[in-house]
Amino acid sequence: MVLTLFQGVTALTAVAAVLFTARSLDYTADATNATNAQVRLAERGQITERFGRAIDQLGQEGADKLSIRLGGIYALERVMRDSAADEPTVIEVLCAFIRTHAPRPDPLPARIPPSPPDVQAAVFVLGRRPDPDAVDNRQLHLAGTLLSLPAADLSFADLAFANLTFANLTNVYLTHANLTSANLSGADLTGGASLIFADLSFAHLPGANLNGAYLSDATLLEADLTDANLTGATLADVNLRGARLTEADLTGTDLTGADLTGVFGLTSAQLAGARVDERTRLPAGMVVPSPEPTG
């Protein structure tokens, strides 16, 4: 009887120990979760505070406040890198800053000065945003801006899906940049703009001024170059398959080694003024007309 009672007490003690341990683990887990929640809340508060402070800096107007605005731009870049959830908002804020601080005047001035340093800084920060492939981070709404970035280096920048309608990008360097599906309608990329190895697949370039631009080894797959000015441009070894070249001016354009298979709107007359070689791949059935003999 005593033995049986002892065994019963031992069993109850074991069950109680298990229940106590389980409850202790629950308490520990609850405490850990509460701590983690507090940490996340504190981090969220810090991000919100940093964002608000950066916005205040961005709103400081005047030439004497340039360094403050620059600090705000780079502070927003850090917010993007520390908080993926805030990246779309930061992108919208920086795009709005550029649109309001670099609007395209009508008519354009005879001499276009470089964009202000804070505008250029905002463009550079957008070009290196952390997650440009995310759906909410793709669009860069910069339509109607006058972005004059002489000698600016945007190499490897990701400007895919950017709306740069009528933007002025004279002398800009966009080598290896990603401009897939970007809208550059009416944009000015004259003055030796460098787009070497740039990806302009599916880009919208109707009416764009690419006079004298360098696009060697660039990809313009199915790009729309309707009525674009490509006089004197270098398009050596460029992939133009499926591109639209209706009314594009190819006078003096270097198309040596370029792939023009499947292009739309290209005529022999357009090619007559261009430079091609035996490596240039032309649309099916098209030949380069022989130059007219000079008297």
Foldseek 3Di string as FASTA:
>chain_A
DVVVVVVVVVVVVVVVVVVVVVVVVVVVVVVVVVVVVVVVVVVVVVLVVLLVCLVVLCPDDDPVSVVSNLVSLVSLLVSLVVDVVCLLVSLVVLLVSQCVQFAQDPPHDPDDDARDPSNVSSVLSLQPRPCCPDPSSVERENPRGAHDHACAESEQGENDNYEQDQYEDENYEHECYEHDQYEHALYEHDNAHEHDQYEHDQYEHDNYECALYEHDNYEHHQYEHHLYECALYEHDLYEHANHECANYAQAAYEHELYEAENYHRDDLVNLQRYDYDPNYHHYPPDDRDDDDDDD
